Amino acid sequence: MELAAVRIEKPEDVNVVVGQAHFIKTVEDLHEVLAQSAPALRFGIAFCEASGPRLVRRSGNAPDLVDLAVRNAQAIGAGHAFVVLLREGFPVSVLNALKAVPEVCAVFCATANDVEVLVAQTATGRGIVGVVDGGAPLGVEAEADEAERKALLRRFGYKL
């Protein structure tokens, strides 16, 4: 078995969700969930089919994000993996709906951070082992950090 780290390519203003599902209709179901979640949300989806013609299936409402999701999915190259790229919205607003899609098996990350997808290659194919999401902690939150965290959540509108 060989292990590799595949860096997700994305602009800073884009969030990424990486997961695994199990059926060809995944791309359409993910599209419907995202399209219904928020009118301003822009997204691109790519899904690596694991059998049959083994194509990267794609959808979305932002062609640049669709193309970028496809490139990332091709780089990962793991059967049944999906990549969702989001602009003008946050994963927290759609994550539960994405996880509720019947064919979604796992979500590995939902983040705006730099991400590396850890991929294992065997004689059978490729699979996602996990992700590296952002950097390691540099310390422990102090009172000023706590105040800034709470203020940030209120600026985003997540808290009153």
C-alpha atoms as a PDB file:
ATOM      1  CA  MET A   1       0.000   0.000   0.000  1.00  0.00           C
ATOM      2  CA  GLU A   2       1.185   3.512  -0.801  1.00  0.00           C
ATOM      3  CA  LEU A   3       0.052   6.651   1.039  1.00  0.00           C
ATOM      4  CA  ALA A   4      -0.134  10.092  -0.543  1.00  0.00           C
ATOM      5  CA  ALA A   5      -1.294  13.532   0.547  1.00  0.00           C
ATOM      6  CA  VAL A   6      -3.397  15.353  -2.051  1.00  0.00           C
ATOM      7  CA  ARG A   7      -3.721  19.089  -1.459  1.00  0.00           C
ATOM      8  CA  ILE A   8      -7.156  20.540  -2.191  1.00  0.00           C
ATOM      9  CA  GLU A   9      -6.847  23.397  -4.659  1.00  0.00           C
ATOM     10  CA  LYS A  10      -9.198  26.281  -3.858  1.00  0.00           C
ATOM     11  CA  PRO A  11      -9.303  30.075  -3.582  1.00  0.00           C
ATOM     12  CA  GLU A  12      -9.363  31.629  -0.107  1.00  0.00           C
ATOM     13  CA  ASP A  13     -13.026  32.653  -0.408  1.00  0.00           C
ATOM     14  CA  VAL A  14     -14.129  29.055  -0.999  1.00  0.00           C
ATOM     15  CA  ASN A  15     -15.037  26.353   1.530  1.00  0.00           C
ATOM     16  CA  VAL A  16     -14.671  22.650   0.807  1.00  0.00           C
ATOM     17  CA  VAL A  17     -16.546  19.549   1.913  1.00  0.00           C
ATOM     18  CA  VAL A  18     -14.901  16.191   1.228  1.00  0.00           C
ATOM     19  CA  GLY A  19     -16.852  13.004   1.768  1.00  0.00           C
ATOM     20  CA  GLN A  20     -17.727   9.536   0.584  1.00  0.00           C
ATOM     21  CA  ALA A  21     -21.001   8.256  -0.821  1.00  0.00           C
ATOM     22  CA  HIS A  22     -22.065   5.088  -2.596  1.00  0.00           C
ATOM     23  CA  PHE A  23     -24.332   5.621  -5.567  1.00  0.00           C
ATOM     24  CA  ILE A  24     -24.384   7.323  -8.985  1.00  0.00           C
ATOM     25  CA  LYS A  25     -27.305   9.594  -8.033  1.00  0.00           C
ATOM     26  CA  THR A  26     -25.196  11.210  -5.297  1.00  0.00           C
ATOM     27  CA  VAL A  27     -24.217  14.154  -7.489  1.00  0.00           C
ATOM     28  CA  GLU A  28     -27.856  15.029  -8.227  1.00  0.00           C
ATOM     29  CA  ASP A  29     -28.962  14.620  -4.616  1.00  0.00           C
ATOM     30  CA  LEU A  30     -26.108  16.799  -3.328  1.00  0.00           C
ATOM     31  CA  HIS A  31     -26.984  19.409  -5.960  1.00  0.00           C
ATOM     32  CA  GLU A  32     -30.628  19.493  -4.859  1.00  0.00           C
ATOM     33  CA  VAL A  33     -29.676  19.899  -1.178  1.00  0.00           C
ATOM     34  CA  LEU A  34     -27.303  22.765  -1.929  1.00  0.00           C
ATOM     35  CA  ALA A  35     -29.636  24.514  -4.391  1.00  0.00           C
ATOM     36  CA  GLN A  36     -32.446  24.459  -1.809  1.00  0.00           C
ATOM     37  CA  SER A  37     -30.284  25.669   1.086  1.00  0.00           C
ATOM     38  CA  ALA A  38     -29.679  29.319   0.182  1.00  0.00           C
ATOM     39  CA  PRO A  39     -30.383  31.320  -2.972  1.00  0.00           C
ATOM     40  CA  ALA A  40     -27.002  33.111  -2.901  1.00  0.00           C
ATOM     41  CA  LEU A  41     -24.929  29.937  -2.434  1.00  0.00           C
ATOM     42  CA  ARG A  42     -22.595  29.177  -5.333  1.00  0.00           C
ATOM     43  CA  PHE A  43     -21.257  25.628  -5.554  1.00  0.00           C
ATOM     44  CA  GLY A  44     -19.535  22.962  -7.583  1.00  0.00           C
ATOM     45  CA  ILE A  45     -19.726  19.210  -6.973  1.00  0.00           C
ATOM     46  CA  ALA A  46     -17.643  16.312  -8.274  1.00  0.00           C
ATOM     47  CA  PHE A  47     -18.218  12.627  -7.462  1.00  0.00           C
ATOM     48  CA  CYS A  48     -15.848   9.766  -8.345  1.00  0.00           C
ATOM     49  CA  GLU A  49     -17.874   6.873  -9.667  1.00  0.00           C
ATOM     50  CA  ALA A  50     -16.366   3.568  -8.415  1.00  0.00           C
ATOM     51  CA  SER A  51     -17.742   1.063 -10.936  1.00  0.00           C
ATOM     52  CA  GLY A  52     -19.128   0.912 -14.445  1.00  0.00           C
ATOM     53  CA  PRO A  53     -17.571   3.636 -16.614  1.00  0.00           C
ATOM     54  CA  ARG A  54     -15.870   5.109 -13.457  1.00  0.00           C
ATOM     55  CA  LEU A  55     -16.388   8.722 -14.481  1.00  0.00           C
ATOM     56  CA  VAL A  56     -16.129  11.863 -12.405  1.00  0.00           C
ATOM     57  CA  ARG A  57     -19.748  12.996 -12.239  1.00  0.00           C
ATOM     58  CA  ARG A  58     -20.249  16.758 -11.823  1.00  0.00           C
ATOM     59  CA  SER A  59     -22.846  19.408 -11.148  1.00  0.00           C
ATOM     60  CA  GLY A  60     -23.278  22.864  -9.655  1.00  0.00           C
ATOM     61  CA  ASN A  61     -24.420  26.390 -10.324  1.00  0.00           C
ATOM     62  CA  ALA A  62     -20.969  28.016 -10.651  1.00  0.00           C
ATOM     63  CA  PRO A  63     -18.987  26.677 -13.630  1.00  0.00           C
ATOM     64  CA  ASP A  64     -15.622  27.723 -12.154  1.00  0.00           C
ATOM     65  CA  LEU A  65     -16.376  25.807  -8.940  1.00  0.00           C
ATOM     66  CA  VAL A  66     -17.602  22.768 -10.893  1.00  0.00           C
ATOM     67  CA  ASP A  67     -14.347  22.702 -12.878  1.00  0.00           C
ATOM     68  CA  LEU A  68     -12.269  23.093  -9.724  1.00  0.00           C
ATOM     69  CA  ALA A  69     -14.237  20.374  -7.907  1.00  0.00           C
ATOM     70  CA  VAL A  70     -13.594  18.039 -10.863  1.00  0.00           C
ATOM     71  CA  ARG A  71      -9.834  18.746 -10.788  1.00  0.00           C
ATOM     72  CA  ASN A  72      -9.730  18.055  -7.049  1.00  0.00           C
ATOM     73  CA  ALA A  73     -11.767  14.851  -7.394  1.00  0.00           C
ATOM     74  CA  GLN A  74      -9.462  13.658 -10.179  1.00  0.00           C
ATOM     75  CA  ALA A  75      -6.412  14.363  -8.010  1.00  0.00           C
ATOM     76  CA  ILE A  76      -7.931  12.408  -5.106  1.00  0.00           C
ATOM     77  CA  GLY A  77      -9.021   9.634  -7.462  1.00  0.00           C
ATOM     78  CA  ALA A  78     -10.747   7.575  -4.750  1.00  0.00           C
ATOM     79  CA  GLY A  79     -13.869   5.592  -5.559  1.00  0.00           C
ATOM     80  CA  HIS A  80     -17.084   7.132  -4.268  1.00  0.00           C
ATOM     81  CA  ALA A  81     -15.286  10.253  -3.000  1.00  0.00           C
ATOM     82  CA  PHE A  82     -17.014  13.588  -3.473  1.00  0.00           C
ATOM     83  CA  VAL A  83     -15.784  17.158  -3.361  1.00  0.00           C
ATOM     84  CA  VAL A  84     -18.131  20.100  -2.817  1.00  0.00           C
ATOM     85  CA  LEU A  85     -16.839  23.656  -3.175  1.00  0.00           C
ATOM     86  CA  LEU A  86     -18.914  26.493  -1.707  1.00  0.00           C
ATOM     87  CA  ARG A  87     -18.812  30.249  -2.211  1.00  0.00           C
ATOM     88  CA  GLU A  88     -21.092  32.860  -0.591  1.00  0.00           C
ATOM     89  CA  GLY A  89     -22.089  30.441   2.148  1.00  0.00           C
ATOM     90  CA  PHE A  90     -20.664  28.319   4.933  1.00  0.00           C
ATOM     91  CA  PRO A  91     -20.573  24.535   5.394  1.00  0.00           C
ATOM     92  CA  VAL A  92     -22.293  24.830   8.781  1.00  0.00           C
ATOM     93  CA  SER A  93     -25.416  25.979   6.929  1.00  0.00           C
ATOM     94  CA  VAL A  94     -25.579  22.886   4.708  1.00  0.00           C
ATOM     95  CA  LEU A  95     -23.618  20.180   6.519  1.00  0.00           C
ATOM     96  CA  ASN A  96     -26.507  18.423   8.254  1.00  0.00           C
ATOM     97  CA  ALA A  97     -28.507  18.410   5.024  1.00  0.00           C
ATOM     98  CA  LEU A  98     -25.531  16.942   3.140  1.00  0.00           C
ATOM     99  CA  LYS A  99     -25.036  14.250   5.779  1.00  0.00           C
ATOM    100  CA  ALA A 100     -28.755  13.416   5.595  1.00  0.00           C
ATOM    101  CA  VAL A 101     -28.518  12.476   1.897  1.00  0.00           C
ATOM    102  CA  PRO A 102     -29.190   8.713   2.044  1.00  0.00           C
ATOM    103  CA  GLU A 103     -26.156   7.679   0.007  1.00  0.00           C
ATOM    104  CA  VAL A 104     -23.636   9.800   1.963  1.00  0.00           C
ATOM    105  CA  CYS A 105     -21.510   7.446   4.074  1.00  0.00           C
ATOM    106  CA  ALA A 106     -19.036   9.901   5.623  1.00  0.00           C
ATOM    107  CA  VAL A 107     -17.930  13.505   5.651  1.00  0.00           C
ATOM    108  CA  PHE A 108     -14.185  13.851   6.188  1.00  0.00           C
ATOM    109  CA  CYS A 109     -14.066  17.644   6.474  1.00  0.00           C
ATOM    110  CA  ALA A 110     -16.005  20.850   5.916  1.00  0.00           C
ATOM    111  CA  THR A 111     -13.670  23.822   6.084  1.00  0.00           C
ATOM    112  CA  ALA A 112     -12.187  26.985   4.636  1.00  0.00           C
ATOM    113  CA  ASN A 113      -8.697  25.898   5.773  1.00  0.00           C
ATOM    114  CA  ASP A 114      -5.939  24.481   3.645  1.00  0.00           C
ATOM    115  CA  VAL A 115      -6.703  20.759   3.363  1.00  0.00           C
ATOM    116  CA  GLU A 116      -4.739  17.696   2.387  1.00  0.00           C
ATOM    117  CA  VAL A 117      -6.632  14.476   1.693  1.00  0.00           C
ATOM    118  CA  LEU A 118      -4.705  11.380   2.782  1.00  0.00           C
ATOM    119  CA  VAL A 119      -5.148   8.721   0.118  1.00  0.00           C
ATOM    120  CA  ALA A 120      -4.149   5.052   0.240  1.00  0.00           C
ATOM    121  CA  GLN A 121      -3.371   3.247  -3.019  1.00  0.00           C
ATOM    122  CA  THR A 122      -3.746  -0.549  -3.141  1.00  0.00           C
ATOM    123  CA  ALA A 123      -3.992  -3.090  -5.947  1.00  0.00           C
ATOM    124  CA  THR A 124      -7.778  -2.593  -5.855  1.00  0.00           C
ATOM    125  CA  GLY A 125      -7.815   1.189  -6.128  1.00  0.00           C
ATOM    126  CA  ARG A 126      -7.644   4.328  -4.006  1.00  0.00           C
ATOM    127  CA  GLY A 127      -9.424   5.266  -0.814  1.00  0.00           C
ATOM    128  CA  ILE A 128      -9.492   8.246   1.539  1.00  0.00           C
ATOM    129  CA  VAL A 129      -7.830   7.469   4.853  1.00  0.00           C
ATOM    130  CA  GLY A 130      -8.459  10.890   6.396  1.00  0.00           C
ATOM    131  CA  VAL A 131      -7.685  14.572   6.037  1.00  0.00           C
ATOM    132  CA  VAL A 132      -5.282  17.146   7.411  1.00  0.00           C
ATOM    133  CA  ASP A 133      -7.436  20.220   8.048  1.00  0.00           C
ATOM    134  CA  GLY A 134      -5.486  23.393   8.834  1.00  0.00           C
ATOM    135  CA  GLY A 135      -2.589  23.698  11.263  1.00  0.00           C
ATOM    136  CA  ALA A 136      -1.849  22.369  14.745  1.00  0.00           C
ATOM    137  CA  PRO A 137      -2.830  24.473  17.814  1.00  0.00           C
ATOM    138  CA  LEU A 138      -0.361  27.154  18.878  1.00  0.00           C
ATOM    139  CA  GLY A 139      -1.687  27.651  22.408  1.00  0.00           C
ATOM    140  CA  VAL A 140      -4.752  27.726  24.644  1.00  0.00           C
ATOM    141  CA  GLU A 141      -7.497  30.328  24.406  1.00  0.00           C
ATOM    142  CA  ALA A 142      -7.171  33.262  26.855  1.00  0.00           C
ATOM    143  CA  GLU A 143      -9.987  35.603  27.926  1.00  0.00           C
ATOM    144  CA  ALA A 144      -9.288  38.024  25.054  1.00  0.00           C
ATOM    145  CA  ASP A 145      -9.337  35.121  22.567  1.00  0.00           C
ATOM    146  CA  GLU A 146     -12.658  33.923  24.003  1.00  0.00           C
ATOM    147  CA  ALA A 147     -14.134  37.414  23.660  1.00  0.00           C
ATOM    148  CA  GLU A 148     -12.961  37.623  20.033  1.00  0.00           C
ATOM    149  CA  ARG A 149     -14.427  34.155  19.265  1.00  0.00           C
ATOM    150  CA  LYS A 150     -17.797  35.197  20.658  1.00  0.00           C
ATOM    151  CA  ALA A 151     -17.710  38.520  18.782  1.00  0.00           C
ATOM    152  CA  LEU A 152     -16.862  36.730  15.521  1.00  0.00           C
ATOM    153  CA  LEU A 153     -19.851  34.397  15.879  1.00  0.00           C
ATOM    154  CA  ARG A 154     -22.103  37.413  16.405  1.00  0.00           C
ATOM    155  CA  ARG A 155     -20.629  39.244  13.382  1.00  0.00           C
ATOM    156  CA  PHE A 156     -21.407  36.157  11.282  1.00  0.00           C
ATOM    157  CA  GLY A 157     -24.943  36.146  12.689  1.00  0.00           C
ATOM    158  CA  TYR A 158     -24.680  32.717  14.355  1.00  0.00           C
ATOM    159  CA  LYS A 159     -25.383  34.113  17.833  1.00  0.00           C
ATOM    160  CA  LEU A 160     -27.498  36.990  19.100  1.00  0.00           C
END
